[in-house]
C-alpha cells in the first residue's frame, strides 16, 4: 500500500520487517506500507504485537505495542532488538524513532492502520 501520512509518522526497511529476523510465528492479520522523504514505513500485526517499522538509508527503528493495545509503546532499533524505551504516547515514540533515523518526526510516514497506536 502506498498511503502516506506525513503529519507524524515512521519508517522501516525490508530487513526490519523480515519474519526470519523477528522470529514471528504464524501470519499477520494486517499489513500496510507507506513511503515519504526517503523513509519506508511498514505496519504489521503479528500474533503477539502491532509493529510499525521504519527504514532510512540502512538505519531502522521500530515501535511496537501488544495486540490488546493496553501496554505502553516500545521503541527498538530492530523488530527483534532490545527495547530502548517505553512511551505512553505515539507522538513521543515517533520522536524517538525519528531520532534513531536522524530525521524530523514530521518526515515519518505513518500508514493509517497505525494511527491509533499508544495509550
PDB file of N, CA and C in Angstrom:
ATOM      1  N   UNK A   1       0.838  -1.173   0.000  1.00  0.00           N
ATOM      2  CA  UNK A   1       0.000   0.000   0.000  1.00  0.00           C
ATOM      3  C   UNK A   1       0.877   1.227   0.000  1.00  0.00           C
ATOM      4  N   UNK A   2       0.430   2.241  -0.691  1.00  0.00           N
ATOM      5  CA  UNK A   2       1.236   3.428  -0.821  1.00  0.00           C
ATOM      6  C   UNK A   2       0.679   4.614  -0.053  1.00  0.00           C
ATOM      7  N   UNK A   3      -0.290   4.409   0.837  1.00  0.00           N
ATOM      8  CA  UNK A   3      -0.871   5.514   1.573  1.00  0.00           C
ATOM      9  C   UNK A   3       0.166   6.114   2.508  1.00  0.00           C
ATOM     10  N   UNK A   4       0.172   7.450   2.569  1.00  0.00           N
ATOM     11  CA  UNK A   4       1.174   8.125   3.382  1.00  0.00           C
ATOM     12  C   UNK A   4       0.523   9.226   4.197  1.00  0.00           C
ATOM     13  N   UNK A   5       0.914   9.328   5.435  1.00  0.00           N
ATOM     14  CA  UNK A   5       0.523  10.429   6.311  1.00  0.00           C
ATOM     15  C   UNK A   5       1.813  11.060   6.772  1.00  0.00           C
ATOM     16  N   UNK A   6       2.053  12.284   6.362  1.00  0.00           N
ATOM     17  CA  UNK A   6       3.314  12.912   6.731  1.00  0.00           C
ATOM     18  C   UNK A   6       3.181  13.843   7.928  1.00  0.00           C
ATOM     19  N   UNK A   7       2.066  13.771   8.642  1.00  0.00           N
ATOM     20  CA  UNK A   7       1.910  14.576   9.850  1.00  0.00           C
ATOM     21  C   UNK A   7       2.955  14.199  10.870  1.00  0.00           C
ATOM     22  N   UNK A   8       2.846  13.034  11.426  1.00  0.00           N
ATOM     23  CA  UNK A   8       3.865  12.437  12.290  1.00  0.00           C
ATOM     24  C   UNK A   8       3.854  10.975  11.920  1.00  0.00           C
ATOM     25  N   UNK A   9       4.992  10.391  11.611  1.00  0.00           N
ATOM     26  CA  UNK A   9       4.950   9.013  11.177  1.00  0.00           C
ATOM     27  C   UNK A   9       6.251   8.306  11.330  1.00  0.00           C
ATOM     28  N   UNK A  10       6.369   7.116  10.729  1.00  0.00           N
ATOM     29  CA  UNK A  10       7.556   6.310  10.890  1.00  0.00           C
ATOM     30  C   UNK A  10       7.933   5.551   9.649  1.00  0.00           C
ATOM     31  N   UNK A  11       9.094   4.907   9.657  1.00  0.00           N
ATOM     32  CA  UNK A  11       9.558   4.182   8.502  1.00  0.00           C
ATOM     33  C   UNK A  11      10.263   2.905   8.858  1.00  0.00           C
ATOM     34  N   UNK A  12      10.475   2.045   7.854  1.00  0.00           N
ATOM     35  CA  UNK A  12      11.123   0.762   8.096  1.00  0.00           C
ATOM     36  C   UNK A  12      11.780   0.249   6.831  1.00  0.00           C
ATOM     37  N   UNK A  13      12.825  -0.562   6.965  1.00  0.00           N
ATOM     38  CA  UNK A  13      13.436  -1.155   5.783  1.00  0.00           C
ATOM     39  C   UNK A  13      12.972  -2.585   5.604  1.00  0.00           C
ATOM     40  N   UNK A  14      13.313  -3.164   4.450  1.00  0.00           N
ATOM     41  CA  UNK A  14      12.910  -4.541   4.172  1.00  0.00           C
ATOM     42  C   UNK A  14      13.416  -5.478   5.242  1.00  0.00           C
ATOM     43  N   UNK A  15      14.652  -5.328   5.682  1.00  0.00           N
ATOM     44  CA  UNK A  15      15.212  -6.242   6.664  1.00  0.00           C
ATOM     45  C   UNK A  15      14.561  -6.072   8.025  1.00  0.00           C
ATOM     46  N   UNK A  16      14.063  -4.878   8.342  1.00  0.00           N
ATOM     47  CA  UNK A  16      13.438  -4.658   9.644  1.00  0.00           C
ATOM     48  C   UNK A  16      12.126  -5.405   9.759  1.00  0.00           C
ATOM     49  N   UNK A  17      11.514  -5.808   8.632  1.00  0.00           N
ATOM     50  CA  UNK A  17      10.241  -6.493   8.699  1.00  0.00           C
ATOM     51  C   UNK A  17      10.318  -7.962   8.365  1.00  0.00           C
ATOM     52  N   UNK A  18      11.491  -8.506   8.115  1.00  0.00           N
ATOM     53  CA  UNK A  18      11.616  -9.908   7.750  1.00  0.00           C
ATOM     54  C   UNK A  18      11.218 -10.812   8.900  1.00  0.00           C
ATOM     55  N   UNK A  19      10.372 -11.804   8.620  1.00  0.00           N
ATOM     56  CA  UNK A  19       9.962 -12.739   9.658  1.00  0.00           C
ATOM     57  C   UNK A  19      11.135 -13.576  10.140  1.00  0.00           C
ATOM     58  N   UNK A  20      12.073 -13.882   9.239  1.00  0.00           N
ATOM     59  CA  UNK A  20      13.216 -14.689   9.647  1.00  0.00           C
ATOM     60  C   UNK A  20      14.044 -13.981  10.712  1.00  0.00           C
ATOM     61  N   UNK A  21      14.052 -12.670  10.672  1.00  0.00           N
ATOM     62  CA  UNK A  21      14.806 -11.894  11.637  1.00  0.00           C
ATOM     63  C   UNK A  21      14.034 -11.721  12.944  1.00  0.00           C
ATOM     64  N   UNK A  22      12.699 -11.702  12.853  1.00  0.00           N
ATOM     65  CA  UNK A  22      11.895 -11.377  14.017  1.00  0.00           C
ATOM     66  C   UNK A  22      11.463 -12.593  14.804  1.00  0.00           C
ATOM     67  N   UNK A  23      11.481 -13.758  14.198  1.00  0.00           N
ATOM     68  CA  UNK A  23      11.046 -14.956  14.899  1.00  0.00           C
ATOM     69  C   UNK A  23       9.541 -15.033  15.048  1.00  0.00           C
ATOM     70  N   UNK A  24       8.778 -14.282  14.241  1.00  0.00           N
ATOM     71  CA  UNK A  24       7.324 -14.321  14.314  1.00  0.00           C
ATOM     72  C   UNK A  24       6.815 -15.689  13.920  1.00  0.00           C
ATOM     73  N   UNK A  25       5.788 -16.119  14.617  1.00  0.00           N
ATOM     74  CA  UNK A  25       5.127 -17.365  14.253  1.00  0.00           C
ATOM     75  C   UNK A  25       3.771 -17.024  13.691  1.00  0.00           C
ATOM     76  N   UNK A  26       3.360 -17.740  12.654  1.00  0.00           N
ATOM     77  CA  UNK A  26       2.052 -17.528  12.071  1.00  0.00           C
ATOM     78  C   UNK A  26       2.036 -16.301  11.186  1.00  0.00           C
ATOM     79  N   UNK A  27       0.877 -16.083  10.539  1.00  0.00           N
ATOM     80  CA  UNK A  27       0.732 -14.970   9.628  1.00  0.00           C
ATOM     81  C   UNK A  27       0.318 -13.708  10.345  1.00  0.00           C
ATOM     82  N   UNK A  28       0.078 -12.687   9.549  1.00  0.00           N
ATOM     83  CA  UNK A  28      -0.362 -11.427  10.108  1.00  0.00           C
ATOM     84  C   UNK A  28      -1.771 -11.153   9.627  1.00  0.00           C
ATOM     85  N   UNK A  29      -2.529 -10.423  10.412  1.00  0.00           N
ATOM     86  CA  UNK A  29      -3.881 -10.065  10.024  1.00  0.00           C
ATOM     87  C   UNK A  29      -3.889  -8.795   9.196  1.00  0.00           C
ATOM     88  N   UNK A  30      -2.973  -7.899   9.464  1.00  0.00           N
ATOM     89  CA  UNK A  30      -2.981  -6.609   8.801  1.00  0.00           C
ATOM     90  C   UNK A  30      -1.564  -6.191   8.469  1.00  0.00           C
ATOM     91  N   UNK A  31      -1.392  -5.697   7.255  1.00  0.00           N
ATOM     92  CA  UNK A  31      -0.104  -5.173   6.830  1.00  0.00           C
ATOM     93  C   UNK A  31      -0.359  -3.933   5.987  1.00  0.00           C
ATOM     94  N   UNK A  32       0.532  -2.968   6.099  1.00  0.00           N
ATOM     95  CA  UNK A  32       0.430  -1.750   5.298  1.00  0.00           C
ATOM     96  C   UNK A  32       1.817  -1.156   5.146  1.00  0.00           C
ATOM     97  N   UNK A  33       1.994  -0.371   4.097  1.00  0.00           N
ATOM     98  CA  UNK A  33       3.282   0.262   3.844  1.00  0.00           C
ATOM     99  C   UNK A  33       3.051   1.691   3.390  1.00  0.00           C
ATOM    100  N   UNK A  34       3.962   2.577   3.770  1.00  0.00           N
ATOM    101  CA  UNK A  34       3.924   3.968   3.338  1.00  0.00           C
ATOM    102  C   UNK A  34       5.354   4.436   3.103  1.00  0.00           C
ATOM    103  N   UNK A  35       5.527   5.340   2.140  1.00  0.00           N
ATOM    104  CA  UNK A  35       6.853   5.894   1.854  1.00  0.00           C
ATOM    105  C   UNK A  35       6.755   7.403   1.697  1.00  0.00           C
ATOM    106  N   UNK A  36       7.731   8.104   2.248  1.00  0.00           N
ATOM    107  CA  UNK A  36       7.841   9.554   2.083  1.00  0.00           C
ATOM    108  C   UNK A  36       9.219   9.988   2.562  1.00  0.00           C
ATOM    109  N   UNK A  37       9.752  11.010   1.932  1.00  0.00           N
ATOM    110  CA  UNK A  37      11.006  11.620   2.379  1.00  0.00           C
ATOM    111  C   UNK A  37      12.161  10.629   2.482  1.00  0.00           C
ATOM    112  N   UNK A  38      12.191   9.628   1.612  1.00  0.00           N
ATOM    113  CA  UNK A  38      13.263   8.638   1.639  1.00  0.00           C
ATOM    114  C   UNK A  38      13.138   7.632   2.773  1.00  0.00           C
ATOM    115  N   UNK A  39      11.966   7.563   3.390  1.00  0.00           N
ATOM    116  CA  UNK A  39      11.712   6.678   4.529  1.00  0.00           C
ATOM    117  C   UNK A  39      10.584   5.722   4.157  1.00  0.00           C
ATOM    118  N   UNK A  40      10.766   4.455   4.510  1.00  0.00           N
ATOM    119  CA  UNK A  40       9.730   3.455   4.291  1.00  0.00           C
ATOM    120  C   UNK A  40       9.186   3.023   5.650  1.00  0.00           C
ATOM    121  N   UNK A  41       7.862   2.983   5.756  1.00  0.00           N
ATOM    122  CA  UNK A  41       7.205   2.527   6.985  1.00  0.00           C
ATOM    123  C   UNK A  41       6.409   1.271   6.661  1.00  0.00           C
ATOM    124  N   UNK A  42       6.553   0.264   7.511  1.00  0.00           N
ATOM    125  CA  UNK A  42       5.791  -0.973   7.344  1.00  0.00           C
ATOM    126  C   UNK A  42       5.062  -1.289   8.644  1.00  0.00           C
ATOM    127  N   UNK A  43       3.748  -1.382   8.540  1.00  0.00           N
ATOM    128  CA  UNK A  43       2.925  -1.745   9.688  1.00  0.00           C
ATOM    129  C   UNK A  43       2.543  -3.210   9.555  1.00  0.00           C
ATOM    130  N   UNK A  44       2.693  -3.968  10.652  1.00  0.00           N
ATOM    131  CA  UNK A  44       2.337  -5.386  10.662  1.00  0.00           C
ATOM    132  C   UNK A  44       1.703  -5.723  11.996  1.00  0.00           C
ATOM    133  N   UNK A  45       0.805  -6.667  11.964  1.00  0.00           N
ATOM    134  CA  UNK A  45       0.268  -7.236  13.194  1.00  0.00           C
ATOM    135  C   UNK A  45       0.699  -8.693  13.243  1.00  0.00           C
ATOM    136  N   UNK A  46       1.421  -9.053  14.285  1.00  0.00           N
ATOM    137  CA  UNK A  46       1.823 -10.441  14.490  1.00  0.00           C
ATOM    138  C   UNK A  46       0.871 -11.039  15.515  1.00  0.00           C
ATOM    139  N   UNK A  47       1.079 -12.274  15.884  1.00  0.00           N
ATOM    140  CA  UNK A  47       0.232 -12.892  16.901  1.00  0.00           C
ATOM    141  C   UNK A  47       0.383 -12.195  18.246  1.00  0.00           C
ATOM    142  N   UNK A  48       1.552 -11.597  18.500  1.00  0.00           N
ATOM    143  CA  UNK A  48       1.823 -11.005  19.807  1.00  0.00           C
ATOM    144  C   UNK A  48       1.716  -9.477  19.851  1.00  0.00           C
ATOM    145  N   UNK A  49       2.011  -8.795  18.735  1.00  0.00           N
ATOM    146  CA  UNK A  49       2.063  -7.341  18.810  1.00  0.00           C
ATOM    147  C   UNK A  49       1.745  -6.655  17.498  1.00  0.00           C
ATOM    148  N   UNK A  50       1.443  -5.369  17.626  1.00  0.00           N
ATOM    149  CA  UNK A  50       1.330  -4.467  16.485  1.00  0.00           C
ATOM    150  C   UNK A  50       2.701  -3.823  16.343  1.00  0.00           C
ATOM    151  N   UNK A  51       3.185  -3.698  15.120  1.00  0.00           N
ATOM    152  CA  UNK A  51       4.551  -3.235  14.919  1.00  0.00           C
ATOM    153  C   UNK A  51       4.621  -2.253  13.753  1.00  0.00           C
ATOM    154  N   UNK A  52       5.231  -1.107  13.994  1.00  0.00           N
ATOM    155  CA  UNK A  52       5.473  -0.122  12.956  1.00  0.00           C
ATOM    156  C   UNK A  52       6.986   0.007  12.807  1.00  0.00           C
ATOM    157  N   UNK A  53       7.503  -0.459  11.682  1.00  0.00           N
ATOM    158  CA  UNK A  53       8.953  -0.485  11.453  1.00  0.00           C
ATOM    159  C   UNK A  53       9.312   0.555  10.399  1.00  0.00           C
ATOM    160  N   UNK A  54      10.371   1.287  10.650  1.00  0.00           N
ATOM    161  CA  UNK A  54      10.830   2.362   9.776  1.00  0.00           C
ATOM    162  C   UNK A  54      12.225   2.050   9.252  1.00  0.00           C
ATOM    163  N   UNK A  55      12.505   2.453   8.014  1.00  0.00           N
ATOM    164  CA  UNK A  55      13.831   2.268   7.434  1.00  0.00           C
ATOM    165  C   UNK A  55      14.213   3.499   6.635  1.00  0.00           C
ATOM    166  N   UNK A  56      15.449   3.907   6.834  1.00  0.00           N
ATOM    167  CA  UNK A  56      16.004   5.035   6.074  1.00  0.00           C
ATOM    168  C   UNK A  56      17.494   4.799   5.899  1.00  0.00           C
ATOM    169  N   UNK A  57      17.915   4.639   4.663  1.00  0.00           N
ATOM    170  CA  UNK A  57      19.338   4.523   4.322  1.00  0.00           C
ATOM    171  C   UNK A  57      20.068   3.523   5.207  1.00  0.00           C
ATOM    172  N   UNK A  58      19.487   2.363   5.410  1.00  0.00           N
ATOM    173  CA  UNK A  58      20.128   1.304   6.183  1.00  0.00           C
ATOM    174  C   UNK A  58      19.916   1.381   7.683  1.00  0.00           C
ATOM    175  N   UNK A  59      19.333   2.457   8.173  1.00  0.00           N
ATOM    176  CA  UNK A  59      19.014   2.575   9.600  1.00  0.00           C
ATOM    177  C   UNK A  59      17.559   2.189   9.808  1.00  0.00           C
ATOM    178  N   UNK A  60      17.266   1.629  10.981  1.00  0.00           N
ATOM    179  CA  UNK A  60      15.883   1.256  11.247  1.00  0.00           C
ATOM    180  C   UNK A  60      15.483   1.625  12.663  1.00  0.00           C
ATOM    181  N   UNK A  61      14.179   1.711  12.860  1.00  0.00           N
ATOM    182  CA  UNK A  61      13.574   1.963  14.168  1.00  0.00           C
ATOM    183  C   UNK A  61      12.224   1.271  14.157  1.00  0.00           C
ATOM    184  N   UNK A  62      11.824   0.745  15.309  1.00  0.00           N
ATOM    185  CA  UNK A  62      10.560   0.010  15.407  1.00  0.00           C
ATOM    186  C   UNK A  62       9.789   0.491  16.623  1.00  0.00           C
ATOM    187  N   UNK A  63       8.491   0.704  16.419  1.00  0.00           N
ATOM    188  CA  UNK A  63       7.582   0.995  17.525  1.00  0.00           C
ATOM    189  C   UNK A  63       6.647  -0.196  17.619  1.00  0.00           C
ATOM    190  N   UNK A  64       6.522  -0.777  18.812  1.00  0.00           N
ATOM    191  CA  UNK A  64       5.699  -1.977  18.989  1.00  0.00           C
ATOM    192  C   UNK A  64       4.757  -1.805  20.175  1.00  0.00           C
ATOM    193  N   UNK A  65       3.610  -2.460  20.092  1.00  0.00           N
ATOM    194  CA  UNK A  65       2.609  -2.453  21.163  1.00  0.00           C
ATOM    195  C   UNK A  65       1.939  -3.816  21.170  1.00  0.00           C
ATOM    196  N   UNK A  66       1.546  -4.294  22.362  1.00  0.00           N
ATOM    197  CA  UNK A  66       0.884  -5.590  22.390  1.00  0.00           C
ATOM    198  C   UNK A  66      -0.423  -5.529  21.606  1.00  0.00           C
ATOM    199  N   UNK A  67      -0.922  -6.672  21.177  1.00  0.00           N
ATOM    200  CA  UNK A  67      -2.115  -6.733  20.330  1.00  0.00           C
ATOM    201  C   UNK A  67      -3.349  -6.159  21.011  1.00  0.00           C
ATOM    202  N   UNK A  68      -3.413  -6.260  22.335  1.00  0.00           N
ATOM    203  CA  UNK A  68      -4.578  -5.764  23.049  1.00  0.00           C
ATOM    204  C   UNK A  68      -4.593  -4.235  23.100  1.00  0.00           C
ATOM    205  N   UNK A  69      -3.444  -3.616  22.898  1.00  0.00           N
ATOM    206  CA  UNK A  69      -3.362  -2.168  22.877  1.00  0.00           C
ATOM    207  C   UNK A  69      -3.358  -1.525  24.243  1.00  0.00           C
ATOM    208  N   UNK A  70      -3.182  -2.313  25.304  1.00  0.00           N
ATOM    209  CA  UNK A  70      -3.232  -1.759  26.651  1.00  0.00           C
ATOM    210  C   UNK A  70      -1.861  -1.439  27.230  1.00  0.00           C
ATOM    211  N   UNK A  71      -0.821  -1.739  26.519  1.00  0.00           N
ATOM    212  CA  UNK A  71       0.529  -1.543  27.043  1.00  0.00           C
ATOM    213  C   UNK A  71       1.163  -0.295  26.438  1.00  0.00           C
ATOM    214  N   UNK A  72       2.221   0.137  27.071  1.00  0.00           N
ATOM    215  CA  UNK A  72       2.984   1.256  26.537  1.00  0.00           C
ATOM    216  C   UNK A  72       3.642   0.836  25.229  1.00  0.00           C
ATOM    217  N   UNK A  73       4.010   1.830  24.434  1.00  0.00           N
ATOM    218  CA  UNK A  73       4.722   1.587  23.188  1.00  0.00           C
ATOM    219  C   UNK A  73       6.189   1.363  23.478  1.00  0.00           C
ATOM    220  N   UNK A  74       6.780   0.377  22.829  1.00  0.00           N
ATOM    221  CA  UNK A  74       8.200   0.075  22.975  1.00  0.00           C
ATOM    222  C   UNK A  74       8.934   0.554  21.730  1.00  0.00           C
ATOM    223  N   UNK A  75      10.071   1.173  21.910  1.00  0.00           N
ATOM    224  CA  UNK A  75      10.905   1.590  20.781  1.00  0.00           C
ATOM    225  C   UNK A  75      12.135   0.700  20.772  1.00  0.00           C
ATOM    226  N   UNK A  76      12.424   0.152  19.593  1.00  0.00           N
ATOM    227  CA  UNK A  76      13.587  -0.715  19.390  1.00  0.00           C
ATOM    228  C   UNK A  76      14.324  -0.260  18.134  1.00  0.00           C
ATOM    229  N   UNK A  77      15.561  -0.704  17.994  1.00  0.00           N
ATOM    230  CA  UNK A  77      16.328  -0.402  16.786  1.00  0.00           C
ATOM    231  C   UNK A  77      16.007  -1.382  15.661  1.00  0.00           C
ATOM    232  N   UNK A  78      15.412  -2.545  16.003  1.00  0.00           N
ATOM    233  CA  UNK A  78      15.004  -3.546  15.013  1.00  0.00           C
ATOM    234  C   UNK A  78      13.854  -4.353  15.610  1.00  0.00           C
ATOM    235  N   UNK A  79      13.106  -5.109  14.789  1.00  0.00           N
ATOM    236  CA  UNK A  79      11.967  -5.866  15.320  1.00  0.00           C
ATOM    237  C   UNK A  79      12.332  -6.806  16.464  1.00  0.00           C
ATOM    238  N   UNK A  80      13.470  -7.460  16.371  1.00  0.00           N
ATOM    239  CA  UNK A  80      13.881  -8.417  17.409  1.00  0.00           C
ATOM    240  C   UNK A  80      14.876  -7.800  18.386  1.00  0.00           C
ATOM    241  N   UNK A  81      15.128  -6.508  18.249  1.00  0.00           N
ATOM    242  CA  UNK A  81      16.118  -5.846  19.082  1.00  0.00           C
ATOM    243  C   UNK A  81      15.650  -5.602  20.507  1.00  0.00           C
ATOM    244  N   UNK A  82      16.603  -5.201  21.329  1.00  0.00           N
ATOM    245  CA  UNK A  82      16.312  -4.877  22.726  1.00  0.00           C
ATOM    246  C   UNK A  82      15.470  -3.600  22.796  1.00  0.00           C
ATOM    247  N   UNK A  83      14.585  -3.571  23.756  1.00  0.00           N
ATOM    248  CA  UNK A  83      13.774  -2.387  23.989  1.00  0.00           C
ATOM    249  C   UNK A  83      14.678  -1.237  24.432  1.00  0.00           C
ATOM    250  N   UNK A  84      14.540  -0.089  23.782  1.00  0.00           N
ATOM    251  CA  UNK A  84      15.343   1.081  24.133  1.00  0.00           C
ATOM    252  C   UNK A  84      14.607   1.982  25.122  1.00  0.00           C
ATOM    253  N   UNK A  85      13.284   2.094  24.959  1.00  0.00           N
ATOM    254  CA  UNK A  85      12.488   2.980  25.808  1.00  0.00           C
ATOM    255  C   UNK A  85      11.015   2.632  25.638  1.00  0.00           C
ATOM    256  N   UNK A  86      10.191   3.041  26.619  1.00  0.00           N
ATOM    257  CA  UNK A  86       8.737   2.877  26.547  1.00  0.00           C
ATOM    258  C   UNK A  86       8.071   4.238  26.675  1.00  0.00           C
ATOM    259  N   UNK A  87       6.962   4.388  25.957  1.00  0.00           N
ATOM    260  CA  UNK A  87       6.216   5.642  25.968  1.00  0.00           C
ATOM    261  C   UNK A  87       4.720   5.357  26.024  1.00  0.00           C
ATOM    262  N   UNK A  88       3.972   6.262  26.666  1.00  0.00           N
ATOM    263  CA  UNK A  88       2.511   6.187  26.641  1.00  0.00           C
ATOM    264  C   UNK A  88       1.977   6.696  25.315  1.00  0.00           C
ATOM    265  N   UNK A  89       2.550   7.792  24.834  1.00  0.00           N
ATOM    266  CA  UNK A  89       2.026   8.450  23.649  1.00  0.00           C
ATOM    267  C   UNK A  89       2.748   8.087  22.370  1.00  0.00           C
ATOM    268  N   UNK A  90       1.982   7.992  21.303  1.00  0.00           N
ATOM    269  CA  UNK A  90       2.513   7.681  19.982  1.00  0.00           C
ATOM    270  C   UNK A  90       3.468   8.777  19.515  1.00  0.00           C
ATOM    271  N   UNK A  91       3.134  10.046  19.801  1.00  0.00           N
ATOM    272  CA  UNK A  91       3.991  11.139  19.343  1.00  0.00           C
ATOM    273  C   UNK A  91       5.383  11.067  19.949  1.00  0.00           C
ATOM    274  N   UNK A  92       5.482  10.677  21.226  1.00  0.00           N
ATOM    275  CA  UNK A  92       6.803  10.552  21.866  1.00  0.00           C
ATOM    276  C   UNK A  92       7.588   9.371  21.279  1.00  0.00           C
ATOM    277  N   UNK A  93       6.893   8.270  20.996  1.00  0.00           N
ATOM    278  CA  UNK A  93       7.558   7.117  20.381  1.00  0.00           C
ATOM    279  C   UNK A  93       8.041   7.475  18.972  1.00  0.00           C
ATOM    280  N   UNK A  94       7.231   8.234  18.229  1.00  0.00           N
ATOM    281  CA  UNK A  94       7.643   8.671  16.889  1.00  0.00           C
ATOM    282  C   UNK A  94       8.854   9.595  16.971  1.00  0.00           C
ATOM    283  N   UNK A  95       8.888  10.442  17.977  1.00  0.00           N
ATOM    284  CA  UNK A  95      10.017  11.335  18.157  1.00  0.00           C
ATOM    285  C   UNK A  95      11.307  10.541  18.368  1.00  0.00           C
ATOM    286  N   UNK A  96      11.245   9.500  19.207  1.00  0.00           N
ATOM    287  CA  UNK A  96      12.420   8.666  19.463  1.00  0.00           C
ATOM    288  C   UNK A  96      12.820   7.917  18.186  1.00  0.00           C
ATOM    289  N   UNK A  97      11.838   7.371  17.470  1.00  0.00           N
ATOM    290  CA  UNK A  97      12.137   6.664  16.209  1.00  0.00           C
ATOM    291  C   UNK A  97      12.813   7.618  15.220  1.00  0.00           C
ATOM    292  N   UNK A  98      12.309   8.840  15.142  1.00  0.00           N
ATOM    293  CA  UNK A  98      12.909   9.831  14.241  1.00  0.00           C
ATOM    294  C   UNK A  98      14.350  10.133  14.641  1.00  0.00           C
ATOM    295  N   UNK A  99      14.608  10.233  15.944  1.00  0.00           N
ATOM    296  CA  UNK A  99      15.980  10.444  16.415  1.00  0.00           C
ATOM    297  C   UNK A  99      16.892   9.312  15.965  1.00  0.00           C
ATOM    298  N   UNK A 100      16.410   8.073  16.041  1.00  0.00           N
ATOM    299  CA  UNK A 100      17.216   6.925  15.620  1.00  0.00           C
ATOM    300  C   UNK A 100      17.548   6.985  14.129  1.00  0.00           C
ATOM    301  N   UNK A 101      16.656   7.603  13.351  1.00  0.00           N
ATOM    302  CA  UNK A 101      16.856   7.707  11.902  1.00  0.00           C
ATOM    303  C   UNK A 101      17.476   9.039  11.486  1.00  0.00           C
ATOM    304  N   UNK A 102      17.718   9.927  12.448  1.00  0.00           N
ATOM    305  CA  UNK A 102      18.276  11.260  12.189  1.00  0.00           C
ATOM    306  C   UNK A 102      17.400  12.090  11.252  1.00  0.00           C
ATOM    307  N   UNK A 103      16.080  12.073  11.519  1.00  0.00           N
ATOM    308  CA  UNK A 103      15.132  12.868  10.744  1.00  0.00           C
ATOM    309  C   UNK A 103      14.168  13.554  11.716  1.00  0.00           C
ATOM    310  N   UNK A 104      13.352  14.431  11.184  1.00  0.00           N
ATOM    311  CA  UNK A 104      12.301  15.068  11.967  1.00  0.00           C
ATOM    312  C   UNK A 104      11.121  14.100  12.087  1.00  0.00           C
ATOM    313  N   UNK A 105      10.429  14.098  13.228  1.00  0.00           N
ATOM    314  CA  UNK A 105       9.235  13.242  13.348  1.00  0.00           C
ATOM    315  C   UNK A 105       8.201  13.538  12.262  1.00  0.00           C
ATOM    316  N   UNK A 106       8.161  14.788  11.784  1.00  0.00           N
ATOM    317  CA  UNK A 106       7.209  15.171  10.748  1.00  0.00           C
ATOM    318  C   UNK A 106       7.539  14.561   9.392  1.00  0.00           C
ATOM    319  N   UNK A 107       8.760  14.036   9.228  1.00  0.00           N
ATOM    320  CA  UNK A 107       9.164  13.403   7.972  1.00  0.00           C
ATOM    321  C   UNK A 107       8.725  11.938   7.891  1.00  0.00           C
ATOM    322  N   UNK A 108       8.318  11.359   9.010  1.00  0.00           N
ATOM    323  CA  UNK A 108       7.982   9.933   9.049  1.00  0.00           C
ATOM    324  C   UNK A 108       6.588   9.665   8.494  1.00  0.00           C
ATOM    325  N   UNK A 109       6.476   8.787   7.497  1.00  0.00           N
ATOM    326  CA  UNK A 109       5.147   8.417   7.006  1.00  0.00           C
ATOM    327  C   UNK A 109       4.515   7.382   7.948  1.00  0.00           C
ATOM    328  N   UNK A 110       3.225   7.499   8.196  1.00  0.00           N
ATOM    329  CA  UNK A 110       2.533   6.550   9.068  1.00  0.00           C
ATOM    330  C   UNK A 110       1.346   5.960   8.313  1.00  0.00           C
ATOM    331  N   UNK A 111       1.345   4.652   8.079  1.00  0.00           N
ATOM    332  CA  UNK A 111       0.174   4.033   7.452  1.00  0.00           C
ATOM    333  C   UNK A 111      -1.059   4.244   8.339  1.00  0.00           C
ATOM    334  N   UNK A 112      -2.229   4.446   7.758  1.00  0.00           N
ATOM    335  CA  UNK A 112      -3.439   4.705   8.537  1.00  0.00           C
ATOM    336  C   UNK A 112      -3.735   3.645   9.605  1.00  0.00           C
ATOM    337  N   UNK A 113      -3.358   2.406   9.364  1.00  0.00           N
ATOM    338  CA  UNK A 113      -3.606   1.333  10.327  1.00  0.00           C
ATOM    339  C   UNK A 113      -2.866   1.544  11.648  1.00  0.00           C
ATOM    340  N   UNK A 114      -1.816   2.355  11.645  1.00  0.00           N
ATOM    341  CA  UNK A 114      -1.017   2.587  12.841  1.00  0.00           C
ATOM    342  C   UNK A 114      -1.396   3.866  13.579  1.00  0.00           C
ATOM    343  N   UNK A 115      -2.309   4.641  13.028  1.00  0.00           N
ATOM    344  CA  UNK A 115      -2.659   5.930  13.617  1.00  0.00           C
ATOM    345  C   UNK A 115      -3.151   5.860  15.054  1.00  0.00           C
ATOM    346  N   UNK A 116      -3.717   4.744  15.465  1.00  0.00           N
ATOM    347  CA  UNK A 116      -4.307   4.647  16.805  1.00  0.00           C
ATOM    348  C   UNK A 116      -3.389   3.958  17.819  1.00  0.00           C
ATOM    349  N   UNK A 117      -2.117   3.805  17.499  1.00  0.00           N
ATOM    350  CA  UNK A 117      -1.200   3.189  18.463  1.00  0.00           C
ATOM    351  C   UNK A 117      -0.965   4.135  19.635  1.00  0.00           C
ATOM    352  N   UNK A 118      -0.698   3.579  20.788  1.00  0.00           N
ATOM    353  CA  UNK A 118      -0.465   4.348  22.003  1.00  0.00           C
ATOM    354  C   UNK A 118      -1.630   4.211  22.960  1.00  0.00           C
ATOM    355  N   UNK A 119      -1.440   4.762  24.148  1.00  0.00           N
ATOM    356  CA  UNK A 119      -2.476   4.595  25.166  1.00  0.00           C
ATOM    357  C   UNK A 119      -3.486   5.705  25.118  1.00  0.00           C
TER     358      UNK A 119
END
